[in-house]
Amino acid sequence: AKKGKTLSMRYILKLGNGKIVDKNTSGKPFKFTLGAGEVIKGWDEGLVGMKVGAERMLEIPPQMGYGKRKMSDIPANSTLYFGTCFLCLVVGS
């Protein structure tokens, strides 16, 4: 995956205690443009170079995640643990 390309992803987000706080494992995949600031910095940097069909575990420190902001079930200053699967590049990106 290269910056500027639109990716189609599946993911599971866990906190350090193992609690799942968000996931996209069925239905419509999550799509975003890599490096465009549409997602947290940990994704924009951590998914570069990933191949279609690959899975990758990301441990994202607070400063590359949501930082001091609380996001629904995610406490402020949380390290985020993402299990990701890169499904495909979106055509035309």
N, C-alpha and C. Protein backbone atom coordinates (compact mmCIF):
# COMPACT_ATOMS: atom_id res chain seq x y z
N ALA A 1 0.84 -1.18 0.00
CA ALA A 1 0.00 0.00 0.00
C ALA A 1 0.89 1.25 0.00
N LYS A 2 0.51 2.20 -0.82
CA LYS A 2 1.26 3.45 -0.91
C LYS A 2 0.37 4.61 -0.51
N LYS A 3 0.99 5.66 0.01
CA LYS A 3 0.24 6.86 0.37
C LYS A 3 -0.45 7.40 -0.88
N GLY A 4 -1.68 7.87 -0.69
CA GLY A 4 -2.48 8.39 -1.79
C GLY A 4 -3.42 7.36 -2.39
N LYS A 5 -3.25 6.08 -2.05
CA LYS A 5 -4.12 5.02 -2.55
C LYS A 5 -5.29 4.81 -1.59
N THR A 6 -6.45 4.45 -2.13
CA THR A 6 -7.62 4.16 -1.30
C THR A 6 -7.63 2.67 -0.98
N LEU A 7 -7.66 2.35 0.31
CA LEU A 7 -7.62 0.97 0.78
C LEU A 7 -8.98 0.53 1.29
N SER A 8 -9.25 -0.75 1.16
CA SER A 8 -10.45 -1.37 1.70
C SER A 8 -9.98 -2.36 2.76
N MET A 9 -10.42 -2.15 4.01
CA MET A 9 -9.86 -2.88 5.15
C MET A 9 -10.92 -3.54 6.02
N ARG A 10 -10.49 -4.57 6.73
CA ARG A 10 -11.22 -5.15 7.86
C ARG A 10 -10.33 -4.93 9.08
N TYR A 11 -10.93 -4.79 10.25
CA TYR A 11 -10.11 -4.59 11.45
C TYR A 11 -10.87 -4.98 12.71
N ILE A 12 -10.11 -5.23 13.76
CA ILE A 12 -10.62 -5.38 15.12
C ILE A 12 -9.73 -4.49 15.99
N LEU A 13 -10.35 -3.67 16.82
CA LEU A 13 -9.63 -2.77 17.72
C LEU A 13 -9.83 -3.23 19.16
N LYS A 14 -8.71 -3.49 19.84
CA LYS A 14 -8.74 -3.87 21.25
C LYS A 14 -7.94 -2.87 22.07
N LEU A 15 -8.29 -2.80 23.35
CA LEU A 15 -7.51 -2.03 24.31
C LEU A 15 -6.50 -2.97 24.97
N GLY A 16 -5.63 -2.42 25.80
CA GLY A 16 -4.61 -3.21 26.47
C GLY A 16 -5.16 -4.31 27.36
N ASN A 17 -6.40 -4.14 27.85
CA ASN A 17 -7.01 -5.16 28.70
C ASN A 17 -7.70 -6.26 27.89
N GLY A 18 -7.60 -6.17 26.55
CA GLY A 18 -8.19 -7.19 25.68
C GLY A 18 -9.62 -6.91 25.25
N LYS A 19 -10.23 -5.86 25.79
CA LYS A 19 -11.62 -5.52 25.44
C LYS A 19 -11.70 -5.03 24.00
N ILE A 20 -12.59 -5.64 23.21
CA ILE A 20 -12.84 -5.18 21.84
C ILE A 20 -13.74 -3.95 21.92
N VAL A 21 -13.28 -2.84 21.34
CA VAL A 21 -14.06 -1.59 21.40
C VAL A 21 -14.59 -1.16 20.03
N ASP A 22 -14.10 -1.79 18.97
CA ASP A 22 -14.60 -1.48 17.63
C ASP A 22 -14.16 -2.59 16.70
N LYS A 23 -14.96 -2.84 15.67
CA LYS A 23 -14.55 -3.84 14.68
C LYS A 23 -15.32 -3.65 13.38
N ASN A 24 -14.71 -4.11 12.32
CA ASN A 24 -15.34 -4.17 11.01
C ASN A 24 -14.91 -5.51 10.42
N THR A 25 -15.69 -6.55 10.71
CA THR A 25 -15.34 -7.90 10.28
C THR A 25 -16.34 -8.49 9.29
N SER A 26 -17.43 -7.78 9.05
CA SER A 26 -18.42 -8.23 8.07
C SER A 26 -19.13 -7.00 7.51
N GLY A 27 -19.95 -7.23 6.50
CA GLY A 27 -20.64 -6.11 5.87
C GLY A 27 -19.69 -5.30 5.01
N LYS A 28 -19.97 -4.02 4.89
CA LYS A 28 -19.18 -3.14 4.03
C LYS A 28 -17.80 -2.87 4.64
N PRO A 29 -16.72 -3.13 3.89
CA PRO A 29 -15.37 -2.86 4.41
C PRO A 29 -15.16 -1.36 4.67
N PHE A 30 -14.20 -1.06 5.53
CA PHE A 30 -13.83 0.32 5.83
C PHE A 30 -12.87 0.80 4.75
N LYS A 31 -13.19 1.93 4.12
CA LYS A 31 -12.35 2.49 3.05
C LYS A 31 -11.82 3.85 3.46
N PHE A 32 -10.57 4.11 3.10
CA PHE A 32 -9.95 5.40 3.38
C PHE A 32 -8.74 5.57 2.47
N THR A 33 -8.28 6.82 2.32
CA THR A 33 -7.10 7.12 1.52
C THR A 33 -5.89 7.18 2.44
N LEU A 34 -4.92 6.33 2.19
CA LEU A 34 -3.73 6.23 3.03
C LEU A 34 -2.90 7.51 2.94
N GLY A 35 -2.54 8.06 4.09
CA GLY A 35 -1.70 9.25 4.15
C GLY A 35 -2.44 10.56 4.01
N ALA A 36 -3.77 10.52 3.91
CA ALA A 36 -4.56 11.74 3.70
C ALA A 36 -5.09 12.34 5.01
N GLY A 37 -4.76 11.74 6.15
CA GLY A 37 -5.25 12.26 7.42
C GLY A 37 -6.69 11.91 7.72
N GLU A 38 -7.26 10.93 7.00
CA GLU A 38 -8.64 10.51 7.22
C GLU A 38 -8.77 9.57 8.41
N VAL A 39 -7.66 8.99 8.83
CA VAL A 39 -7.62 8.04 9.94
C VAL A 39 -6.53 8.47 10.92
N ILE A 40 -6.41 7.77 12.03
CA ILE A 40 -5.36 8.11 12.99
C ILE A 40 -3.98 7.93 12.37
N LYS A 41 -3.02 8.66 12.91
CA LYS A 41 -1.65 8.65 12.38
C LYS A 41 -1.05 7.25 12.40
N GLY A 42 -1.39 6.46 13.40
CA GLY A 42 -0.88 5.09 13.49
C GLY A 42 -1.27 4.24 12.30
N TRP A 43 -2.45 4.47 11.73
CA TRP A 43 -2.86 3.75 10.52
C TRP A 43 -2.16 4.35 9.31
N ASP A 44 -2.14 5.68 9.19
CA ASP A 44 -1.51 6.32 8.03
C ASP A 44 -0.05 5.90 7.89
N GLU A 45 0.63 5.66 9.00
CA GLU A 45 2.04 5.25 8.93
C GLU A 45 2.21 3.74 9.01
N GLY A 46 1.38 3.08 9.80
CA GLY A 46 1.55 1.65 10.06
C GLY A 46 1.11 0.72 8.95
N LEU A 47 0.32 1.21 8.00
CA LEU A 47 -0.16 0.35 6.92
C LEU A 47 0.61 0.54 5.61
N VAL A 48 1.53 1.50 5.56
CA VAL A 48 2.35 1.71 4.36
C VAL A 48 3.15 0.43 4.08
N GLY A 49 3.14 0.00 2.83
CA GLY A 49 3.90 -1.18 2.43
C GLY A 49 3.14 -2.48 2.56
N MET A 50 1.94 -2.45 3.13
CA MET A 50 1.15 -3.66 3.30
C MET A 50 0.67 -4.16 1.95
N LYS A 51 0.65 -5.47 1.76
CA LYS A 51 0.23 -6.10 0.51
C LYS A 51 -1.24 -6.50 0.58
N VAL A 52 -1.93 -6.50 -0.56
CA VAL A 52 -3.32 -6.96 -0.64
C VAL A 52 -3.39 -8.39 -0.11
N GLY A 53 -4.37 -8.65 0.75
CA GLY A 53 -4.56 -9.97 1.33
C GLY A 53 -3.78 -10.21 2.61
N ALA A 54 -2.89 -9.29 2.95
CA ALA A 54 -2.06 -9.46 4.14
C ALA A 54 -2.82 -9.06 5.40
N GLU A 55 -2.36 -9.62 6.52
CA GLU A 55 -2.86 -9.23 7.83
C GLU A 55 -1.71 -8.61 8.60
N ARG A 56 -2.03 -7.62 9.43
CA ARG A 56 -0.97 -6.95 10.19
C ARG A 56 -1.54 -6.55 11.55
N MET A 57 -0.73 -6.76 12.58
CA MET A 57 -1.07 -6.30 13.93
C MET A 57 -0.37 -4.97 14.16
N LEU A 58 -1.11 -3.99 14.63
CA LEU A 58 -0.55 -2.67 14.91
C LEU A 58 -0.73 -2.35 16.39
N GLU A 59 0.34 -1.99 17.07
CA GLU A 59 0.29 -1.48 18.43
C GLU A 59 0.54 0.01 18.32
N ILE A 60 -0.50 0.80 18.57
CA ILE A 60 -0.44 2.23 18.32
C ILE A 60 -0.43 3.00 19.64
N PRO A 61 0.66 3.72 19.92
CA PRO A 61 0.73 4.50 21.16
C PRO A 61 -0.26 5.67 21.11
N PRO A 62 -0.63 6.20 22.28
CA PRO A 62 -1.63 7.27 22.33
C PRO A 62 -1.34 8.45 21.40
N GLN A 63 -0.08 8.87 21.29
CA GLN A 63 0.23 10.05 20.48
C GLN A 63 0.01 9.80 18.98
N MET A 64 -0.11 8.54 18.57
CA MET A 64 -0.40 8.23 17.17
C MET A 64 -1.83 7.70 17.00
N GLY A 65 -2.58 7.72 18.12
CA GLY A 65 -3.97 7.29 18.11
C GLY A 65 -4.87 8.48 18.38
N TYR A 66 -5.59 8.42 19.51
CA TYR A 66 -6.51 9.50 19.86
C TYR A 66 -5.96 10.43 20.92
N GLY A 67 -4.76 10.13 21.44
CA GLY A 67 -4.12 11.01 22.41
C GLY A 67 -4.95 11.24 23.65
N LYS A 68 -5.11 12.50 24.02
CA LYS A 68 -5.81 12.87 25.26
C LYS A 68 -7.33 12.86 25.09
N ARG A 69 -7.81 12.62 23.86
CA ARG A 69 -9.26 12.61 23.62
C ARG A 69 -9.86 11.25 23.99
N LYS A 70 -11.01 11.28 24.67
CA LYS A 70 -11.78 10.07 24.91
C LYS A 70 -12.70 9.88 23.72
N MET A 71 -12.74 8.67 23.19
CA MET A 71 -13.59 8.37 22.03
C MET A 71 -14.53 7.23 22.41
N SER A 72 -15.78 7.51 22.66
CA SER A 72 -16.80 6.54 23.08
C SER A 72 -16.23 5.55 24.10
N ASP A 73 -15.94 4.31 23.72
CA ASP A 73 -15.45 3.29 24.66
C ASP A 73 -13.93 3.29 24.81
N ILE A 74 -13.25 4.26 24.21
CA ILE A 74 -11.79 4.31 24.26
C ILE A 74 -11.37 5.42 25.23
N PRO A 75 -10.77 5.04 26.37
CA PRO A 75 -10.32 6.07 27.32
C PRO A 75 -9.21 6.94 26.73
N ALA A 76 -9.07 8.15 27.25
CA ALA A 76 -7.97 9.03 26.84
C ALA A 76 -6.64 8.34 27.11
N ASN A 77 -5.64 8.67 26.32
CA ASN A 77 -4.27 8.16 26.46
C ASN A 77 -4.16 6.64 26.38
N SER A 78 -4.99 6.03 25.54
CA SER A 78 -4.97 4.57 25.38
C SER A 78 -4.03 4.13 24.27
N THR A 79 -3.30 3.05 24.54
CA THR A 79 -2.58 2.37 23.47
C THR A 79 -3.61 1.50 22.76
N LEU A 80 -3.60 1.53 21.43
CA LEU A 80 -4.59 0.81 20.63
C LEU A 80 -3.94 -0.41 19.98
N TYR A 81 -4.66 -1.51 19.96
CA TYR A 81 -4.17 -2.75 19.35
C TYR A 81 -5.12 -3.13 18.23
N PHE A 82 -4.65 -2.97 16.99
CA PHE A 82 -5.47 -3.27 15.82
C PHE A 82 -5.00 -4.54 15.16
N GLY A 83 -5.94 -5.42 14.87
CA GLY A 83 -5.70 -6.52 13.95
C GLY A 83 -6.31 -6.07 12.63
N THR A 84 -5.52 -6.00 11.56
CA THR A 84 -6.02 -5.48 10.29
C THR A 84 -5.85 -6.51 9.18
N CYS A 85 -6.73 -6.42 8.19
CA CYS A 85 -6.63 -7.24 6.99
C CYS A 85 -6.88 -6.32 5.80
N PHE A 86 -5.92 -6.25 4.89
CA PHE A 86 -5.98 -5.40 3.71
C PHE A 86 -6.68 -6.19 2.61
N LEU A 87 -7.94 -5.83 2.31
CA LEU A 87 -8.72 -6.58 1.33
C LEU A 87 -8.35 -6.24 -0.10
N CYS A 88 -8.35 -4.94 -0.44
CA CYS A 88 -8.06 -4.57 -1.83
C CYS A 88 -7.78 -3.08 -1.94
N LEU A 89 -7.17 -2.72 -3.06
CA LEU A 89 -7.05 -1.31 -3.45
C LEU A 89 -8.32 -0.95 -4.19
N VAL A 90 -8.84 0.22 -3.95
CA VAL A 90 -10.04 0.67 -4.65
C VAL A 90 -9.61 1.14 -6.04
N VAL A 91 -10.29 0.63 -7.06
CA VAL A 91 -9.97 0.96 -8.45
C VAL A 91 -10.05 2.46 -8.67
N GLY A 92 -9.06 3.00 -9.37
CA GLY A 92 -9.03 4.42 -9.70
C GLY A 92 -8.33 5.28 -8.67
N SER A 93 -7.84 4.66 -7.60
CA SER A 93 -7.16 5.47 -6.58
C SER A 93 -5.69 5.62 -6.90
